[in-house]
C-alpha atoms as a PDB file:
ATOM      1  CA  ILE A   1       0.278   0.261  -0.248  1.00  0.00           C
ATOM      2  CA  TYR A   2       2.864   2.553   1.009  1.00  0.00           C
ATOM      3  CA  HIS A   3       4.448   1.323  -2.793  1.00  0.00           C
ATOM      4  CA  PHE A   4       1.487   2.256  -4.737  1.00  0.00           C
ATOM      5  CA  SER A   5       0.552   5.223  -3.270  1.00  0.00           C
ATOM      6  CA  GLU A   6       3.803   7.054  -2.629  1.00  0.00           C
ATOM      7  CA  SER A   7       4.227   6.612  -6.856  1.00  0.00           C
ATOM      8  CA  GLN A   8       1.141   8.323  -6.590  1.00  0.00           C
ATOM      9  CA  GLY A   9       2.567  11.362  -4.494  1.00  0.00           C
ATOM     10  CA  LEU A  10       0.379  10.250  -1.801  1.00  0.00           C
ATOM     11  CA  GLU A  11       1.371  10.668   1.840  1.00  0.00           C
ATOM     12  CA  ILE A  12       0.053   8.170   4.394  1.00  0.00           C
ATOM     13  CA  ASP A  13       0.110   9.447   8.363  1.00  0.00           C
ATOM     14  CA  THR A  14      -0.798   5.966  10.072  1.00  0.00           C
ATOM     15  CA  LEU A  15      -1.678   2.322   8.181  1.00  0.00           C
ATOM     16  CA  ILE A  16      -2.676   0.116  10.390  1.00  0.00           C
ATOM     17  CA  HIS A  17      -4.298  -3.718  10.950  1.00  0.00           C
ATOM     18  CA  GLU A  18      -7.772  -3.479  12.819  1.00  0.00           C
ATOM     19  CA  GLU A  19     -10.187  -6.381  13.958  1.00  0.00           C
ATOM     20  CA  GLY A  20     -10.995  -7.875  11.054  1.00  0.00           C
ATOM     21  CA  ALA A  21      -9.429 -10.002   8.729  1.00  0.00           C
ATOM     22  CA  GLY A  22      -7.388  -8.067   6.184  1.00  0.00           C
ATOM     23  CA  GLN A  23      -9.150  -5.101   7.736  1.00  0.00           C
ATOM     24  CA  LEU A  24      -6.933  -2.170   7.739  1.00  0.00           C
ATOM     25  CA  GLU A  25      -7.044   1.682   8.933  1.00  0.00           C
ATOM     26  CA  ILE A  26      -5.258   4.006   6.725  1.00  0.00           C
ATOM     27  CA  ASN A  27      -5.529   7.954   6.956  1.00  0.00           C
ATOM     28  CA  LEU A  28      -3.847  10.426   4.828  1.00  0.00           C
ATOM     29  CA  ARG A  29      -1.902  12.961   5.981  1.00  0.00           C
ATOM     30  CA  HIS A  30      -4.044  16.402   7.180  1.00  0.00           C
ATOM     31  CA  GLY A  31      -4.015  19.336   4.449  1.00  0.00           C
ATOM     32  CA  ASP A  32      -6.139  21.746   2.181  1.00  0.00           C
ATOM     33  CA  PRO A  33      -9.955  19.914   2.041  1.00  0.00           C
ATOM     34  CA  ILE A  34     -10.095  20.543  -1.978  1.00  0.00           C
ATOM     35  CA  GLU A  35      -6.355  18.617  -2.737  1.00  0.00           C
ATOM     36  CA  LEU A  36      -7.462  15.872   0.034  1.00  0.00           C
ATOM     37  CA  ALA A  37     -10.921  14.895  -1.851  1.00  0.00           C
ATOM     38  CA  ASP A  38      -8.990  14.667  -5.106  1.00  0.00           C
ATOM     39  CA  GLN A  39      -6.238  12.243  -2.895  1.00  0.00           C
ATOM     40  CA  VAL A  40      -8.805  10.467  -1.544  1.00  0.00           C
ATOM     41  CA  PHE A  41     -10.306   9.879  -4.675  1.00  0.00           C
ATOM     42  CA  MET A  42      -6.982   8.811  -6.108  1.00  0.00           C
ATOM     43  CA  PHE A  43      -5.871   6.520  -2.719  1.00  0.00           C
ATOM     44  CA  LYS A  44      -9.137   4.788  -3.411  1.00  0.00           C
ATOM     45  CA  ARG A  45      -8.851   3.935  -7.316  1.00  0.00           C
ATOM     46  CA  THR A  46      -4.988   2.693  -6.030  1.00  0.00           C
ATOM     47  CA  ILE A  47      -5.411   0.817  -4.032  1.00  0.00           C
ATOM     48  CA  ARG A  48      -8.566  -1.030  -5.857  1.00  0.00           C
ATOM     49  CA  GLU A  49      -5.828  -1.225  -8.543  1.00  0.00           C
ATOM     50  CA  ALA A  50      -3.395  -2.150  -6.334  1.00  0.00           C
ATOM     51  CA  ALA A  51      -5.318  -4.988  -5.039  1.00  0.00           C
ATOM     52  CA  LEU A  52      -6.448  -6.330  -8.467  1.00  0.00           C
ATOM     53  CA  LYS A  53      -2.762  -6.581  -9.040  1.00  0.00           C
ATOM     54  CA  HIS A  54      -2.440  -9.552  -6.335  1.00  0.00           C
ATOM     55  CA  GLU A  55      -6.199 -11.230  -7.551  1.00  0.00           C
ATOM     56  CA  ILE A  56      -8.165  -9.414  -4.419  1.00  0.00           C
ATOM     57  CA  TYR A  57     -10.625  -6.992  -4.418  1.00  0.00           C
ATOM     58  CA  ALA A  58     -10.785  -3.484  -2.243  1.00  0.00           C
ATOM     59  CA  THR A  59     -13.552  -2.115  -0.984  1.00  0.00           C
ATOM     60  CA  PHE A  60     -14.258   0.742   1.423  1.00  0.00           C
ATOM     61  CA  MET A  61     -17.893   0.227   2.723  1.00  0.00           C
ATOM     62  CA  ALA A  62     -17.693   0.434   6.525  1.00  0.00           C
ATOM     63  CA  LYS A  63     -18.873  -3.343   7.183  1.00  0.00           C
ATOM     64  CA  PRO A  64     -18.810  -5.189   4.208  1.00  0.00           C
ATOM     65  CA  ILE A  65     -19.496  -8.814   6.102  1.00  0.00           C
ATOM     66  CA  GLN A  66     -23.067  -9.344   8.396  1.00  0.00           C
ATOM     67  CA  GLY A  67     -21.661 -11.026  12.106  1.00  0.00           C
ATOM     68  CA  GLN A  68     -18.021  -9.484  11.217  1.00  0.00           C
ATOM     69  CA  PRO A  69     -16.015  -6.592  12.747  1.00  0.00           C
ATOM     70  CA  GLY A  70     -16.244  -3.882  10.804  1.00  0.00           C
END
């Protein structure tokens, strides 16, 4: 995630593992709201593409699986 984000010029502030399997919390650095909105859009596209390269899927849903942490 760091490699793909850095190649897009996105600065990650925090990356930690959450309670659910394969669940991560990723925070971008604070900044101008308009620029951050663009970065979040680019970040999500970057992560989805990185996941597909590894034949997995990335989702940004709050709770994608019922009965599991989310």
